[in-house]
């Protein structure tokens, strides 16, 4: 299959791929100025906080994998539930499930700590330089894309319910159209404070205090002390072998183990020999098995045993019945980006508000929208992922990495909540089983089962229309609740990839036409 929509970028001195062109430009400029791949990733993430404000920002969480100097490092910068966020406190408010939106869905946002943890270890340029373009786009304004315009339109009631987001993104009630100009001066000020004063401004300083005060005033349970207590965690990535490649994901509380399970369940099969409809069916059935285990067992390992070894050795623990708590259908508004530099450092980074506009809580005076990661918990007493003070929720974020002979081969990832492991599985089988090239692997028609968001029925198998009617009919006959969607549907995620071509001594970067991004080389 040849590339249809886009062209990959080739370069030996550095590349990056992000889901928005302004973020890619900012990261490329940092690489040209001598910054590391981590510097470029941070700069791009900061711009995305401005130009994709429904997706990410200082009010969200962050995970990353970084390969440098012969080793692969994992960073978990997800936040924890506040000390007052007890099961009893939520029950006393008449709740039998975690609220999807509003102040009670807010946990500690970890993204700022993640940026600084990465920068402390691998940064070359100062943070103020990395934040330059983001502050300019926030203060002077940027032109929204149709995607952001639609995100404002469909979430306008939410933005007005829990804070001042509606006044920022739809002043006077007017939703900006594609190409319209939007400014965020308060966010610019907050980014400047973060860049000049460091993470303490968020975790113990004035920004954190403003966030805690506003959340409390709206009935939330997060406090300034909870922010002050926040810490990142460096973790060892989990790894499994698939078709001669070592695929790495971060351990729980990330859901990355679900992708590794699916690969284990496929390792004895000839995926390339299956006709297209059968291939989709077989992958979907393995997804269902892995997700049953995910829903039953994946949680913060500091609060109970997560049977990772059993899950990866056996391929599936076969969780059934009441032990498995069904996953939420969050729409998965997230950014994934990857970057590589001339010295061989490769970064895989993901950052998110979870649902579109997160909790909807837009804190006055800060320009910061807070995530709704608390929704990742449940209120089922005795379940491994039950809400508890100081605990991290089960997390959808999962930056991907793959190595050959101990060296970087692929940085990969996508947005899409529950779709992330499914899209990752399709990308890897496209590359390793079907032998597609990088851009073709991204652009091939995709599917998602039990899709994120509320556009489709919860148990639907959604197919992009490019699969064709015969594939849809075959899958329906196999018992799937098939829905045919658009030729390119953003519900399938927004993939970015960087491949390391050692034979030719260069990087290849590619981005998804389902987003607003570009891949660039320097």
Protein backbone atom coordinates (compact mmCIF):
# COMPACT_ATOMS: atom_id res chain seq x y z
CA UNK A 1 0.00 0.00 0.00
CA UNK A 2 1.43 3.39 -0.95
CA UNK A 3 1.00 6.58 1.03
CA UNK A 4 -2.15 8.46 0.04
CA UNK A 5 -2.47 11.57 2.17
CA UNK A 6 0.92 12.54 3.55
CA UNK A 7 4.66 12.33 3.14
CA UNK A 8 7.11 11.28 5.87
CA UNK A 9 10.06 13.46 6.85
CA UNK A 10 13.62 12.12 6.60
CA UNK A 11 16.54 13.56 8.52
CA UNK A 12 19.80 12.65 10.24
CA UNK A 13 20.04 15.69 12.54
CA UNK A 14 16.66 15.52 14.22
CA UNK A 15 12.97 14.99 13.50
CA UNK A 16 9.67 15.33 15.28
CA UNK A 17 6.04 14.54 14.67
CA UNK A 18 3.17 16.25 16.48
CA UNK A 19 -0.59 16.57 15.87
CA UNK A 20 -0.48 20.33 15.14
CA UNK A 21 1.70 22.21 12.67
CA UNK A 22 2.53 25.08 15.07
CA UNK A 23 3.80 22.59 17.66
CA UNK A 24 5.96 20.86 15.06
CA UNK A 25 7.43 24.19 13.98
CA UNK A 26 8.24 25.12 17.58
CA UNK A 27 9.96 21.80 18.22
CA UNK A 28 11.93 21.99 14.98
CA UNK A 29 13.17 25.48 15.88
CA UNK A 30 14.38 24.15 19.24
CA UNK A 31 16.29 21.35 17.53
CA UNK A 32 17.88 23.86 15.15
CA UNK A 33 18.88 26.01 18.13
CA UNK A 34 20.81 23.09 19.62
CA UNK A 35 18.13 21.75 21.92
CA UNK A 36 17.79 18.08 22.76
CA UNK A 37 14.91 15.86 21.68
CA UNK A 38 13.47 16.38 25.18
CA UNK A 39 13.69 20.15 24.74
CA UNK A 40 11.87 19.87 21.41
CA UNK A 41 9.18 17.66 22.92
CA UNK A 42 8.56 20.07 25.80
CA UNK A 43 8.38 23.09 23.47
CA UNK A 44 5.93 21.26 21.21
CA UNK A 45 3.81 20.15 24.17
CA UNK A 46 3.63 23.72 25.48
CA UNK A 47 2.42 24.98 22.10
CA UNK A 48 -0.17 22.21 21.98
CA UNK A 49 -1.44 23.41 25.37
CA UNK A 50 -2.34 26.65 23.59
CA UNK A 51 -3.51 25.54 20.15
CA UNK A 52 -5.24 22.27 21.17
CA UNK A 53 -6.54 23.54 24.54
CA UNK A 54 -9.30 20.94 24.70
CA UNK A 55 -6.65 18.22 24.65
CA UNK A 56 -3.79 19.08 26.98
CA UNK A 57 -2.10 21.69 29.14
CA UNK A 58 -0.70 22.41 32.61
CA UNK A 59 -3.93 21.06 34.12
CA UNK A 60 -3.33 17.52 32.82
CA UNK A 61 -1.05 14.51 33.29
CA UNK A 62 2.00 13.29 31.36
CA UNK A 63 3.88 10.04 30.63
CA UNK A 64 7.05 9.58 28.58
CA UNK A 65 9.69 7.13 27.45
CA UNK A 66 13.16 8.42 26.59
CA UNK A 67 16.03 6.49 25.02
CA UNK A 68 19.43 8.01 25.71
CA UNK A 69 22.97 6.69 25.97
CA UNK A 70 22.03 3.05 25.51
CA UNK A 71 19.15 2.92 28.00
CA UNK A 72 15.37 3.35 27.97
CA UNK A 73 13.81 5.40 30.77
CA UNK A 74 10.16 5.71 31.77
CA UNK A 75 8.50 8.69 33.44
CA UNK A 76 5.12 8.58 35.17
CA UNK A 77 3.99 12.14 35.89
CA UNK A 78 0.37 11.32 36.65
CA UNK A 79 -1.25 12.90 39.67
CA UNK A 80 -2.93 11.36 42.69
CA UNK A 81 -6.26 11.71 44.43
CA UNK A 82 -6.37 14.28 47.20
CA UNK A 83 -6.21 13.33 50.86
CA UNK A 84 -9.92 14.08 51.30
CA UNK A 85 -10.97 12.10 48.21
CA UNK A 86 -12.23 9.05 50.07
CA UNK A 87 -14.83 6.52 49.05
CA UNK A 88 -16.90 7.62 52.04
CA UNK A 89 -16.78 11.28 51.02
CA UNK A 90 -18.15 10.50 47.57
CA UNK A 91 -20.78 8.13 48.94
CA UNK A 92 -21.87 10.84 51.39
CA UNK A 93 -22.55 13.06 48.37
CA UNK A 94 -24.98 10.50 47.03
CA UNK A 95 -22.61 9.20 44.34
CA UNK A 96 -22.39 5.55 43.33
CA UNK A 97 -20.02 6.26 40.42
CA UNK A 98 -17.20 8.73 39.88
CA UNK A 99 -18.44 11.97 38.32
CA UNK A 100 -17.29 12.41 34.75
CA UNK A 101 -16.95 16.20 34.97
CA UNK A 102 -16.76 19.01 37.46
CA UNK A 103 -14.56 19.63 40.51
CA UNK A 104 -15.07 16.19 42.05
CA UNK A 105 -13.39 14.61 39.01
CA UNK A 106 -10.16 16.60 39.49
CA UNK A 107 -6.99 14.91 40.74
CA UNK A 108 -3.55 16.49 41.04
CA UNK A 109 -2.34 17.59 37.57
CA UNK A 110 1.14 16.20 36.97
CA UNK A 111 2.15 17.64 33.58
CA UNK A 112 4.19 20.58 34.90
CA UNK A 113 6.21 18.28 37.13
CA UNK A 114 6.77 16.01 34.14
CA UNK A 115 8.13 18.80 31.96
CA UNK A 116 10.62 19.83 34.62
CA UNK A 117 11.64 16.27 35.50
CA UNK A 118 12.46 15.60 31.86
CA UNK A 119 14.21 18.94 31.47
CA UNK A 120 16.33 18.51 34.60
CA UNK A 121 17.71 15.26 33.20
CA UNK A 122 18.02 16.03 29.49
CA UNK A 123 17.37 19.71 28.85
CA UNK A 124 19.95 21.87 27.08
CA UNK A 125 18.04 25.10 26.54
CA UNK A 126 16.34 26.89 29.41
CA UNK A 127 12.62 26.49 29.96
CA UNK A 128 11.91 30.13 29.12
CA UNK A 129 13.29 29.49 25.62
CA UNK A 130 11.21 26.34 25.30
CA UNK A 131 8.04 28.21 26.32
CA UNK A 132 8.68 31.15 23.97
CA UNK A 133 6.43 30.11 21.11
CA UNK A 134 3.65 28.87 23.39
CA UNK A 135 3.59 32.18 25.28
CA UNK A 136 3.52 34.11 22.00
CA UNK A 137 0.64 32.06 20.58
CA UNK A 138 -1.29 32.46 23.83
CA UNK A 139 -0.70 36.18 24.21
CA UNK A 140 -0.85 37.31 20.58
CA UNK A 141 -3.33 34.67 19.50
CA UNK A 142 -3.50 31.83 17.00
CA UNK A 143 -5.90 30.71 14.27
CA UNK A 144 -8.08 27.81 15.31
CA UNK A 145 -8.55 24.76 13.13
CA UNK A 146 -11.91 23.20 12.34
CA UNK A 147 -11.19 20.52 14.93
CA UNK A 148 -10.80 23.03 17.77
CA UNK A 149 -13.79 25.01 16.54
CA UNK A 150 -15.95 21.89 16.72
CA UNK A 151 -14.57 21.04 20.17
CA UNK A 152 -15.68 24.47 21.43
CA UNK A 153 -19.11 24.21 19.79
CA UNK A 154 -19.96 20.77 21.15
CA UNK A 155 -18.73 21.54 24.67
CA UNK A 156 -19.90 25.12 25.14
CA UNK A 157 -22.33 24.29 27.99
CA UNK A 158 -19.57 22.44 29.83
CA UNK A 159 -17.16 25.36 29.44
CA UNK A 160 -19.69 27.72 30.97
CA UNK A 161 -20.81 25.44 33.79
CA UNK A 162 -17.65 24.93 35.81
CA UNK A 163 -15.53 28.02 35.22
CA UNK A 164 -14.76 30.77 32.76
CA UNK A 165 -13.81 28.66 29.74
CA UNK A 166 -16.76 29.85 27.67
CA UNK A 167 -15.67 33.48 28.07
CA UNK A 168 -12.18 32.59 26.82
CA UNK A 169 -13.01 30.31 23.90
CA UNK A 170 -16.41 31.69 22.86
CA UNK A 171 -16.55 35.32 24.00
CA UNK A 172 -20.06 36.70 23.80
CA UNK A 173 -21.29 33.20 23.03
CA UNK A 174 -19.74 33.22 19.56
CA UNK A 175 -17.96 29.99 18.70
CA UNK A 176 -14.81 30.68 16.65
CA UNK A 177 -14.79 29.20 13.18
CA UNK A 178 -11.81 27.68 11.42
CA UNK A 179 -9.29 30.45 10.82
CA UNK A 180 -10.67 32.73 13.54
CA UNK A 181 -8.31 34.36 16.01
CA UNK A 182 -8.23 33.29 19.69
CA UNK A 183 -6.07 34.72 22.48
CA UNK A 184 -5.41 33.34 25.97
CA UNK A 185 -3.58 36.07 27.92
CA UNK A 186 -4.13 34.44 31.31
CA UNK A 187 -2.60 31.19 30.07
CA UNK A 188 0.33 33.19 28.67
CA UNK A 189 0.89 34.68 32.12
CA UNK A 190 0.74 31.25 33.76
CA UNK A 191 3.19 29.77 31.26
CA UNK A 192 5.54 32.67 31.96
CA UNK A 193 5.29 32.04 35.70
CA UNK A 194 5.98 28.35 35.19
CA UNK A 195 8.93 29.02 32.89
CA UNK A 196 10.56 31.62 35.13
CA UNK A 197 9.78 30.26 38.61
CA UNK A 198 9.77 26.51 38.05
CA UNK A 199 7.42 23.75 39.16
CA UNK A 200 7.06 25.10 42.70
CA UNK A 201 4.70 27.77 41.32
CA UNK A 202 2.26 24.91 40.59
CA UNK A 203 3.06 22.66 43.54
CA UNK A 204 3.01 24.97 46.53
CA UNK A 205 2.99 28.37 44.82
CA UNK A 206 0.44 30.88 43.64
CA UNK A 207 -0.87 28.87 40.68
CA UNK A 208 -1.47 25.84 42.83
CA UNK A 209 -3.20 27.94 45.47
CA UNK A 210 -5.51 29.52 42.89
CA UNK A 211 -6.38 26.09 41.52
CA UNK A 212 -7.06 24.63 44.97
CA UNK A 213 -9.12 27.61 46.08
CA UNK A 214 -11.31 27.53 42.98
CA UNK A 215 -11.81 23.76 43.12
CA UNK A 216 -12.80 24.04 46.79
CA UNK A 217 -15.19 26.90 46.08
CA UNK A 218 -16.90 24.70 43.49
CA UNK A 219 -17.28 21.77 45.87
CA UNK A 220 -14.16 19.77 44.97
CA UNK A 221 -11.85 18.02 47.44
CA UNK A 222 -8.41 18.82 46.04
CA UNK A 223 -6.24 21.06 48.25
CA UNK A 224 -3.03 23.03 47.99
CA UNK A 225 -1.42 20.45 50.29
CA UNK A 226 -2.26 17.71 47.78
CA UNK A 227 -0.46 19.68 45.07
CA UNK A 228 2.51 20.28 47.33
CA UNK A 229 2.81 16.54 48.04
CA UNK A 230 2.93 15.59 44.35
CA UNK A 231 5.98 13.70 43.02
CA UNK A 232 6.83 12.11 39.67
CA UNK A 233 8.03 8.52 39.44
CA UNK A 234 10.78 7.10 37.24
CA UNK A 235 9.79 3.58 36.19
CA UNK A 236 11.23 0.67 34.23
CA UNK A 237 9.23 0.03 31.05
CA UNK A 238 7.61 -3.36 30.55
CA UNK A 239 8.81 -5.23 27.46
CA UNK A 240 7.66 -8.12 25.27
CA UNK A 241 9.13 -9.51 22.08
CA UNK A 242 7.06 -9.47 18.89
CA UNK A 243 8.37 -10.42 15.42
CA UNK A 244 11.97 -9.74 16.43
CA UNK A 245 11.19 -6.36 17.99
CA UNK A 246 11.10 -5.55 21.70
CA UNK A 247 7.96 -3.49 22.38
CA UNK A 248 8.03 -1.35 25.53
CA UNK A 249 5.18 0.22 27.49
CA UNK A 250 5.02 1.86 30.89
CA UNK A 251 3.73 -0.25 33.78
CA UNK A 252 0.43 0.37 35.58
CA UNK A 253 -1.22 2.66 36.43
CA UNK A 254 -0.86 3.04 32.63
CA UNK A 255 -2.99 0.73 30.46
CA UNK A 256 0.03 0.00 28.25
CA UNK A 257 0.16 -3.59 29.49
CA UNK A 258 -3.05 -4.24 27.49
CA UNK A 259 -1.18 -3.72 24.22
CA UNK A 260 1.62 -6.03 25.34
CA UNK A 261 -0.96 -8.70 26.21
CA UNK A 262 -2.53 -8.46 22.77
CA UNK A 263 0.87 -8.96 21.16
CA UNK A 264 1.48 -12.04 23.31
CA UNK A 265 -1.88 -13.43 22.23
CA UNK A 266 -0.83 -13.03 18.58
CA UNK A 267 2.74 -14.31 18.73
CA UNK A 268 1.98 -17.83 17.42
CA UNK A 269 -0.34 -16.65 14.62
CA UNK A 270 0.41 -15.83 10.99
CA UNK A 271 -1.38 -12.47 10.97
CA UNK A 272 -0.40 -11.67 7.38
CA UNK A 273 -2.08 -14.84 6.11
CA UNK A 274 -5.51 -13.87 7.41
CA UNK A 275 -7.91 -12.22 4.93
CA UNK A 276 -8.74 -8.67 5.93
CA UNK A 277 -12.07 -9.32 7.64
CA UNK A 278 -10.70 -12.29 9.55
CA UNK A 279 -7.69 -10.24 10.61
CA UNK A 280 -9.92 -7.53 12.07
CA UNK A 281 -12.04 -10.18 13.81
CA UNK A 282 -9.04 -11.94 15.34
CA UNK A 283 -7.49 -8.71 16.58
CA UNK A 284 -10.79 -7.56 18.08
CA UNK A 285 -11.26 -10.84 19.95
CA UNK A 286 -7.78 -10.57 21.45
CA UNK A 287 -8.50 -6.97 22.38
CA UNK A 288 -11.59 -8.10 24.31
CA UNK A 289 -9.56 -10.62 26.32
CA UNK A 290 -6.83 -8.13 27.17
CA UNK A 291 -9.33 -5.44 28.13
CA UNK A 292 -11.14 -7.81 30.50
CA UNK A 293 -7.85 -8.20 32.36
CA UNK A 294 -7.15 -4.48 32.17
CA UNK A 295 -10.51 -3.59 33.66
CA UNK A 296 -10.16 -6.15 36.44
CA UNK A 297 -6.54 -5.68 37.46
CA UNK A 298 -4.84 -2.51 36.20
CA UNK A 299 -4.57 0.19 38.86
CA UNK A 300 -1.97 1.98 40.96
CA UNK A 301 0.45 -0.82 42.00
CA UNK A 302 1.27 1.06 45.20
CA UNK A 303 -2.23 0.19 46.45
CA UNK A 304 -2.43 -3.50 45.59
CA UNK A 305 -0.95 -6.28 43.53
CA UNK A 306 -1.28 -5.98 39.76
CA UNK A 307 -0.51 -9.44 38.26
CA UNK A 308 1.73 -8.11 35.50
CA UNK A 309 3.90 -11.22 35.26
CA UNK A 310 0.86 -13.50 34.93
CA UNK A 311 -0.74 -11.17 32.40
CA UNK A 312 2.35 -11.15 30.21
CA UNK A 313 3.39 -14.78 30.65
CA UNK A 314 -0.03 -16.25 29.96
CA UNK A 315 -1.16 -13.59 27.53
CA UNK A 316 -4.48 -13.33 29.37
CA UNK A 317 -5.63 -14.04 32.92
CA UNK A 318 -9.19 -14.38 31.57
CA UNK A 319 -10.92 -12.01 33.97
CA UNK A 320 -14.67 -12.57 33.94
CA UNK A 321 -17.81 -11.63 35.76
CA UNK A 322 -17.97 -9.14 38.58
CA UNK A 323 -14.19 -8.94 38.95
CA UNK A 324 -13.97 -6.83 35.80
CA UNK A 325 -15.23 -3.25 36.04
CA UNK A 326 -16.30 -1.86 32.67
CA UNK A 327 -14.19 0.96 31.31
CA UNK A 328 -15.55 4.46 30.87
CA UNK A 329 -16.26 5.68 27.36
CA UNK A 330 -14.16 8.84 27.58
CA UNK A 331 -13.51 10.51 24.24
CA UNK A 332 -9.78 10.58 24.92
CA UNK A 333 -8.74 14.13 24.17
CA UNK A 334 -5.00 13.71 24.35
CA UNK A 335 -1.85 14.70 22.50
CA UNK A 336 0.92 12.31 21.53
CA UNK A 337 4.21 13.48 20.03
CA UNK A 338 7.67 12.09 19.42
CA UNK A 339 11.07 13.65 18.76
CA UNK A 340 14.65 12.59 18.03
CA UNK A 341 17.90 14.54 17.91
CA UNK A 342 21.29 14.36 16.21
CA UNK A 343 22.83 12.58 19.23
CA UNK A 344 20.49 9.61 19.12
CA UNK A 345 18.04 10.61 21.86
CA UNK A 346 14.47 9.54 21.04
CA UNK A 347 11.43 10.72 23.01
CA UNK A 348 7.91 9.28 23.13
CA UNK A 349 5.59 11.63 25.06
CA UNK A 350 1.88 11.75 25.78
CA UNK A 351 -0.10 14.39 27.68
CA UNK A 352 -3.79 14.86 28.28
CA UNK A 353 -6.82 16.41 29.95
CA UNK A 354 -8.59 13.01 29.48
CA UNK A 355 -12.05 13.97 28.15
CA UNK A 356 -12.55 17.01 25.91
CA UNK A 357 -11.78 20.03 28.10
CA UNK A 358 -11.16 17.64 30.98
CA UNK A 359 -13.30 18.39 34.01
CA UNK A 360 -14.55 21.59 32.38
CA UNK A 361 -13.10 23.48 35.35
CA UNK A 362 -11.31 26.49 33.83
CA UNK A 363 -9.65 28.34 36.70
CA UNK A 364 -10.11 32.15 36.56
CA UNK A 365 -6.89 34.13 36.55
CA UNK A 366 -4.80 31.19 35.32
CA UNK A 367 -6.08 30.18 31.87
CA UNK A 368 -5.68 26.57 33.06
CA UNK A 369 -8.31 23.91 32.41
CA UNK A 370 -8.12 21.00 34.85
CA UNK A 371 -8.30 17.37 33.80
CA UNK A 372 -10.93 14.86 34.93
CA UNK A 373 -8.61 11.93 35.67
CA UNK A 374 -10.57 11.14 38.82
CA UNK A 375 -13.12 9.64 36.45
CA UNK A 376 -10.59 6.86 35.91
CA UNK A 377 -11.38 5.50 39.40
CA UNK A 378 -14.45 3.56 40.40
CA UNK A 379 -16.46 3.54 43.62
CA UNK A 380 -16.68 -0.25 43.90
CA UNK A 381 -15.36 -1.13 47.35
CA UNK A 382 -12.83 -3.93 47.11
CA UNK A 383 -11.98 -3.35 43.45
CA UNK A 384 -8.30 -2.78 42.74
CA UNK A 385 -9.05 0.56 41.03
CA UNK A 386 -11.35 1.95 43.73
CA UNK A 387 -10.84 5.58 44.73
CA UNK A 388 -8.47 6.14 47.65
CA UNK A 389 -6.52 9.15 48.98
CA UNK A 390 -3.07 9.52 47.42
CA UNK A 391 -3.83 6.91 44.76
CA UNK A 392 -3.36 7.29 41.02
CA UNK A 393 -6.28 6.23 38.79
CA UNK A 394 -5.99 3.67 36.06
CA UNK A 395 -4.69 5.72 33.18
CA UNK A 396 -5.31 5.57 29.44
CA UNK A 397 -2.03 7.32 28.57
CA UNK A 398 0.58 5.00 27.05
CA UNK A 399 3.59 6.36 25.09
CA UNK A 400 4.99 3.53 22.98
CA UNK A 401 8.53 2.49 22.16
CA UNK A 402 10.14 -0.41 20.32
CA UNK A 403 13.75 -1.56 20.05
CA UNK A 404 15.77 -3.82 17.77
CA UNK A 405 18.97 -5.33 19.13
CA UNK A 406 18.72 -3.03 22.12
CA UNK A 407 18.63 0.13 20.00
CA UNK A 408 15.68 2.43 19.19
CA UNK A 409 13.56 1.30 16.28
CA UNK A 410 10.21 3.05 16.75
CA UNK A 411 8.57 5.71 18.90
CA UNK A 412 4.80 5.46 18.53
CA UNK A 413 1.56 6.56 20.10
CA UNK A 414 -1.81 8.17 19.65
CA UNK A 415 -4.68 9.91 21.36
CA UNK A 416 -7.96 8.07 21.85
CA UNK A 417 -8.53 6.77 25.42
CA UNK A 418 -9.59 3.10 25.12
CA UNK A 419 -8.64 3.28 21.45
CA UNK A 420 -4.95 3.78 22.24
CA UNK A 421 -4.03 0.08 22.68
CA UNK A 422 -6.20 -0.86 19.70
CA UNK A 423 -4.58 1.67 17.41
CA UNK A 424 -1.13 0.68 18.69
CA UNK A 425 -1.89 -2.94 17.86
CA UNK A 426 -2.93 -2.03 14.32
CA UNK A 427 0.15 0.12 13.74
CA UNK A 428 2.51 -2.63 14.92
CA UNK A 429 0.81 -5.36 12.88
CA UNK A 430 0.79 -3.08 9.84
CA UNK A 431 4.53 -2.57 10.19
CA UNK A 432 5.71 -5.98 11.41
CA UNK A 433 3.21 -8.42 9.89
CA UNK A 434 1.94 -6.69 6.76
CA UNK A 435 5.27 -4.92 6.12
CA UNK A 436 3.74 -1.55 5.25
CA UNK A 437 5.94 1.51 5.14
CA UNK A 438 5.65 4.09 7.92
CA UNK A 439 3.17 6.48 6.32
CA UNK A 440 1.06 3.69 4.86
CA UNK A 441 0.85 2.03 8.27
CA UNK A 442 -0.63 5.24 9.69
CA UNK A 443 -3.01 5.84 6.79
CA UNK A 444 -4.38 2.31 6.40
CA UNK A 445 -8.08 2.08 7.31
CA UNK A 446 -8.56 1.53 11.04
CA UNK A 447 -11.16 0.10 13.39
CA UNK A 448 -12.01 0.59 17.04
CA UNK A 449 -14.16 -1.67 19.18
CA UNK A 450 -16.19 -0.25 22.10
CA UNK A 451 -15.26 3.21 20.80
CA UNK A 452 -14.42 6.16 23.03
CA UNK A 453 -16.88 9.01 23.43
CA UNK A 454 -20.61 8.88 22.86
CA UNK A 455 -20.95 9.03 19.07
CA UNK A 456 -21.48 5.29 18.75
CA UNK A 457 -23.05 2.47 20.74
CA UNK A 458 -20.77 1.25 23.49
CA UNK A 459 -20.24 -2.25 22.04
CA UNK A 460 -19.96 -1.17 18.40
CA UNK A 461 -17.13 -2.17 16.11
CA UNK A 462 -16.53 1.03 14.15
CA UNK A 463 -14.86 0.67 10.75
CA UNK A 464 -13.56 3.44 8.53
CA UNK A 465 -15.45 3.19 5.24
CA UNK A 466 -12.26 2.49 3.29
CA UNK A 467 -12.43 -1.13 4.51
CA UNK A 468 -15.26 -1.61 2.02
CA UNK A 469 -18.72 -3.10 2.30
CA UNK A 470 -17.62 -6.74 1.97
CA UNK A 471 -15.44 -6.49 5.09
CA UNK A 472 -18.30 -4.86 7.01
CA UNK A 473 -20.72 -7.62 5.95
CA UNK A 474 -18.26 -10.37 6.89
CA UNK A 475 -17.69 -8.90 10.35
CA UNK A 476 -21.43 -8.47 10.91
CA UNK A 477 -21.89 -12.14 10.03
CA UNK A 478 -19.28 -12.99 12.67
CA UNK A 479 -21.47 -11.36 15.31
CA UNK A 480 -19.95 -7.89 15.57
CA UNK A 481 -22.14 -4.79 15.93
CA UNK A 482 -20.58 -3.08 12.90
CA UNK A 483 -20.88 0.64 12.25
CA UNK A 484 -19.27 2.13 9.13
CA UNK A 485 -17.86 5.59 9.70
CA UNK A 486 -16.03 8.21 7.65
CA UNK A 487 -13.05 7.40 5.38
CA UNK A 488 -10.77 9.11 7.94
CA UNK A 489 -12.27 9.33 11.41
CA UNK A 490 -10.49 11.03 14.30
CA UNK A 491 -12.08 8.58 16.71
CA UNK A 492 -9.39 6.17 15.48
CA UNK A 493 -6.71 8.30 17.11
CA UNK A 494 -4.05 10.67 15.87
CA UNK A 495 -0.84 8.69 15.42
CA UNK A 496 2.71 10.01 15.32
CA UNK A 497 5.70 7.78 14.53
CA UNK A 498 9.48 8.04 14.38
CA UNK A 499 11.42 5.13 12.95
CA UNK A 500 15.20 4.82 13.26
CA UNK A 501 16.73 3.64 9.98
CA UNK A 502 20.17 2.40 11.03
CA UNK A 503 21.14 1.12 7.61
CA UNK A 504 20.87 4.60 6.08
CA UNK A 505 21.75 6.53 9.24
CA UNK A 506 18.60 8.63 9.42
CA UNK A 507 15.25 9.06 11.11
CA UNK A 508 11.86 8.77 9.40
CA UNK A 509 8.98 10.71 10.98
CA UNK A 510 5.32 10.47 10.02
CA UNK A 511 2.05 11.97 11.21
CA UNK A 512 -1.62 11.12 10.92
CA UNK A 513 -3.93 12.86 8.41
CA UNK A 514 -6.63 12.44 11.06
CA UNK A 515 -5.07 15.39 12.95
CA UNK A 516 -3.72 18.88 12.29
CA UNK A 517 -0.08 17.87 12.38
CA UNK A 518 3.05 17.61 10.30
CA UNK A 519 6.29 15.69 10.62
CA UNK A 520 9.43 17.79 10.21
CA UNK A 521 13.16 17.17 9.88
CA UNK A 522 15.96 19.65 10.62
